[in-house]
Amino acid sequence: MTLLFLALAIATEVTATVSLKLSEGFTKLVPSIVVVLGYGAAFFFLSQALKRGLAIGVAYGIWSAVGVAAIATIGVLFLGERLTLIQVGGIGLVILGVLALELGGAH
């Protein structure tokens, strides 16, 4: 159940972030509403994962790393953005950092 709440937190945060781009500076109503509701839901779901015992460093690390990778991918696939090799390497380093947090917490 804890990982389900974390997955929901990630999904709603990614949805809110994409909607932030689509809101065009909060000039479009529907994406703007999705931003506010999405971020609220993301923090609610993250709080539920933490309440159920997920370590905050690990939870936030996973949340942010998956979010960064997902947003970058969505940007490239659907929003006409580009990724350089250095940016891809940076995303990889973020993921490795989260792995280090997870593995370090296991000992």
C-alpha atoms as a PDB file:
ATOM      1  CA  MET A   1       0.000   0.000   0.000  1.00  0.00           C
ATOM      2  CA  THR A   2       2.900   2.353   0.786  1.00  0.00           C
ATOM      3  CA  LEU A   3       4.354   2.032  -2.704  1.00  0.00           C
ATOM      4  CA  LEU A   4       0.912   2.529  -4.229  1.00  0.00           C
ATOM      5  CA  PHE A   5       0.617   5.869  -2.413  1.00  0.00           C
ATOM      6  CA  LEU A   6       4.096   6.817  -3.614  1.00  0.00           C
ATOM      7  CA  ALA A   7       3.173   5.886  -7.199  1.00  0.00           C
ATOM      8  CA  LEU A   8       0.001   7.987  -6.942  1.00  0.00           C
ATOM      9  CA  ALA A   9       2.047  10.901  -5.582  1.00  0.00           C
ATOM     10  CA  ILE A  10       4.412  10.641  -8.546  1.00  0.00           C
ATOM     11  CA  ALA A  11       1.598  10.325 -11.106  1.00  0.00           C
ATOM     12  CA  THR A  12      -0.328  13.314  -9.768  1.00  0.00           C
ATOM     13  CA  GLU A  13       2.818  15.449  -9.481  1.00  0.00           C
ATOM     14  CA  VAL A  14       3.807  14.654 -13.074  1.00  0.00           C
ATOM     15  CA  THR A  15       0.267  15.415 -14.263  1.00  0.00           C
ATOM     16  CA  ALA A  16       0.313  18.732 -12.399  1.00  0.00           C
ATOM     17  CA  THR A  17       3.708  19.674 -13.811  1.00  0.00           C
ATOM     18  CA  VAL A  18       2.681  18.944 -17.397  1.00  0.00           C
ATOM     19  CA  SER A  19      -0.498  20.950 -16.774  1.00  0.00           C
ATOM     20  CA  LEU A  20       1.640  23.814 -15.488  1.00  0.00           C
ATOM     21  CA  LYS A  21       3.256  23.992 -18.918  1.00  0.00           C
ATOM     22  CA  LEU A  22      -0.133  23.701 -20.637  1.00  0.00           C
ATOM     23  CA  SER A  23      -1.690  26.412 -18.447  1.00  0.00           C
ATOM     24  CA  GLU A  24       0.419  29.040 -20.229  1.00  0.00           C
ATOM     25  CA  GLY A  25       1.098  31.072 -17.115  1.00  0.00           C
ATOM     26  CA  PHE A  26      -2.283  30.247 -15.563  1.00  0.00           C
ATOM     27  CA  THR A  27      -4.116  31.862 -18.479  1.00  0.00           C
ATOM     28  CA  LYS A  28      -5.977  28.639 -19.377  1.00  0.00           C
ATOM     29  CA  LEU A  29      -8.582  27.581 -16.832  1.00  0.00           C
ATOM     30  CA  VAL A  30      -8.696  23.772 -17.095  1.00  0.00           C
ATOM     31  CA  PRO A  31      -4.935  23.157 -16.968  1.00  0.00           C
ATOM     32  CA  SER A  32      -4.695  25.689 -14.128  1.00  0.00           C
ATOM     33  CA  ILE A  33      -7.272  23.765 -12.104  1.00  0.00           C
ATOM     34  CA  VAL A  34      -5.400  20.506 -12.803  1.00  0.00           C
ATOM     35  CA  VAL A  35      -2.193  22.133 -11.498  1.00  0.00           C
ATOM     36  CA  VAL A  36      -3.738  23.097  -8.164  1.00  0.00           C
ATOM     37  CA  LEU A  37      -5.607  19.824  -7.653  1.00  0.00           C
ATOM     38  CA  GLY A  38      -2.679  17.737  -8.896  1.00  0.00           C
ATOM     39  CA  TYR A  39      -0.101  19.245  -6.563  1.00  0.00           C
ATOM     40  CA  GLY A  40      -2.534  19.020  -3.657  1.00  0.00           C
ATOM     41  CA  ALA A  41      -3.166  15.352  -4.417  1.00  0.00           C
ATOM     42  CA  ALA A  42       0.558  14.682  -4.860  1.00  0.00           C
ATOM     43  CA  PHE A  43       1.364  16.008  -1.396  1.00  0.00           C
ATOM     44  CA  PHE A  44      -1.583  14.155   0.118  1.00  0.00           C
ATOM     45  CA  PHE A  45      -0.464  10.834  -1.395  1.00  0.00           C
ATOM     46  CA  LEU A  46       3.166  11.457  -0.416  1.00  0.00           C
ATOM     47  CA  SER A  47       2.062  12.164   3.154  1.00  0.00           C
ATOM     48  CA  GLN A  48       0.158   8.878   3.207  1.00  0.00           C
ATOM     49  CA  ALA A  49       3.245   6.960   2.060  1.00  0.00           C
ATOM     50  CA  LEU A  50       5.298   8.648   4.794  1.00  0.00           C
ATOM     51  CA  LYS A  51       2.599   7.948   7.401  1.00  0.00           C
ATOM     52  CA  ARG A  52       2.860   4.265   6.542  1.00  0.00           C
ATOM     53  CA  GLY A  53       6.571   4.167   7.308  1.00  0.00           C
ATOM     54  CA  LEU A  54       8.411   5.049   4.106  1.00  0.00           C
ATOM     55  CA  ALA A  55      11.607   6.931   5.007  1.00  0.00           C
ATOM     56  CA  ILE A  56      11.371  10.564   3.947  1.00  0.00           C
ATOM     57  CA  GLY A  57      14.768  10.645   2.202  1.00  0.00           C
ATOM     58  CA  VAL A  58      13.999   7.559   0.181  1.00  0.00           C
ATOM     59  CA  ALA A  59      10.412   8.618  -0.584  1.00  0.00           C
ATOM     60  CA  TYR A  60      11.385  12.102  -1.710  1.00  0.00           C
ATOM     61  CA  GLY A  61      14.361  10.775  -3.654  1.00  0.00           C
ATOM     62  CA  ILE A  62      12.242   8.290  -5.575  1.00  0.00           C
ATOM     63  CA  TRP A  63       9.470  10.838  -6.071  1.00  0.00           C
ATOM     64  CA  SER A  64      11.799  13.463  -7.450  1.00  0.00           C
ATOM     65  CA  ALA A  65      13.949  11.124  -9.577  1.00  0.00           C
ATOM     66  CA  VAL A  66      11.015   9.397 -11.230  1.00  0.00           C
ATOM     67  CA  GLY A  67       9.310  12.757 -11.660  1.00  0.00           C
ATOM     68  CA  VAL A  68      12.354  14.310 -13.343  1.00  0.00           C
ATOM     69  CA  ALA A  69      12.772  11.348 -15.684  1.00  0.00           C
ATOM     70  CA  ALA A  70       9.059  11.254 -16.518  1.00  0.00           C
ATOM     71  CA  ILE A  71       8.795  15.001 -17.150  1.00  0.00           C
ATOM     72  CA  ALA A  72      11.893  14.983 -19.346  1.00  0.00           C
ATOM     73  CA  THR A  73      10.522  12.056 -21.354  1.00  0.00           C
ATOM     74  CA  ILE A  74       7.074  13.650 -21.721  1.00  0.00           C
ATOM     75  CA  GLY A  75       8.720  16.908 -22.765  1.00  0.00           C
ATOM     76  CA  VAL A  76      10.617  15.161 -25.539  1.00  0.00           C
ATOM     77  CA  LEU A  77       7.779  12.912 -26.718  1.00  0.00           C
ATOM     78  CA  PHE A  78       4.831  15.302 -26.516  1.00  0.00           C
ATOM     79  CA  LEU A  79       5.960  18.890 -25.974  1.00  0.00           C
ATOM     80  CA  GLY A  80       8.630  19.282 -28.636  1.00  0.00           C
ATOM     81  CA  GLU A  81      11.501  19.677 -26.167  1.00  0.00           C
ATOM     82  CA  ARG A  82      15.017  18.328 -26.629  1.00  0.00           C
ATOM     83  CA  LEU A  83      17.398  16.468 -24.357  1.00  0.00           C
ATOM     84  CA  THR A  84      21.157  16.655 -24.683  1.00  0.00           C
ATOM     85  CA  LEU A  85      23.471  13.832 -23.731  1.00  0.00           C
ATOM     86  CA  ILE A  86      24.573  15.837 -20.699  1.00  0.00           C
ATOM     87  CA  GLN A  87      20.950  16.150 -19.560  1.00  0.00           C
ATOM     88  CA  VAL A  88      20.414  12.416 -20.000  1.00  0.00           C
ATOM     89  CA  GLY A  89      23.567  11.822 -17.959  1.00  0.00           C
ATOM     90  CA  GLY A  90      22.263  14.160 -15.254  1.00  0.00           C
ATOM     91  CA  ILE A  91      19.006  12.237 -15.044  1.00  0.00           C
ATOM     92  CA  GLY A  92      21.025   9.037 -14.765  1.00  0.00           C
ATOM     93  CA  LEU A  93      23.037  10.539 -11.903  1.00  0.00           C
ATOM     94  CA  VAL A  94      19.841  11.519 -10.082  1.00  0.00           C
ATOM     95  CA  ILE A  95      18.597   7.940 -10.411  1.00  0.00           C
ATOM     96  CA  LEU A  96      21.946   6.598  -9.169  1.00  0.00           C
ATOM     97  CA  GLY A  97      21.719   8.960  -6.192  1.00  0.00           C
ATOM     98  CA  VAL A  98      18.308   7.590  -5.268  1.00  0.00           C
ATOM     99  CA  LEU A  99      19.655   4.062  -5.586  1.00  0.00           C
ATOM    100  CA  ALA A 100      22.492   4.982  -3.225  1.00  0.00           C
ATOM    101  CA  LEU A 101      19.930   6.324  -0.719  1.00  0.00           C
ATOM    102  CA  GLU A 102      17.899   3.138  -0.954  1.00  0.00           C
ATOM    103  CA  LEU A 103      20.863   0.782  -0.688  1.00  0.00           C
ATOM    104  CA  GLY A 104      22.456   2.818   2.106  1.00  0.00           C
ATOM    105  CA  GLY A 105      19.238   2.667   4.115  1.00  0.00           C
ATOM    106  CA  ALA A 106      19.144  -1.117   3.856  1.00  0.00           C
ATOM    107  CA  HIS A 107      22.235  -1.490   6.061  1.00  0.00           C
END
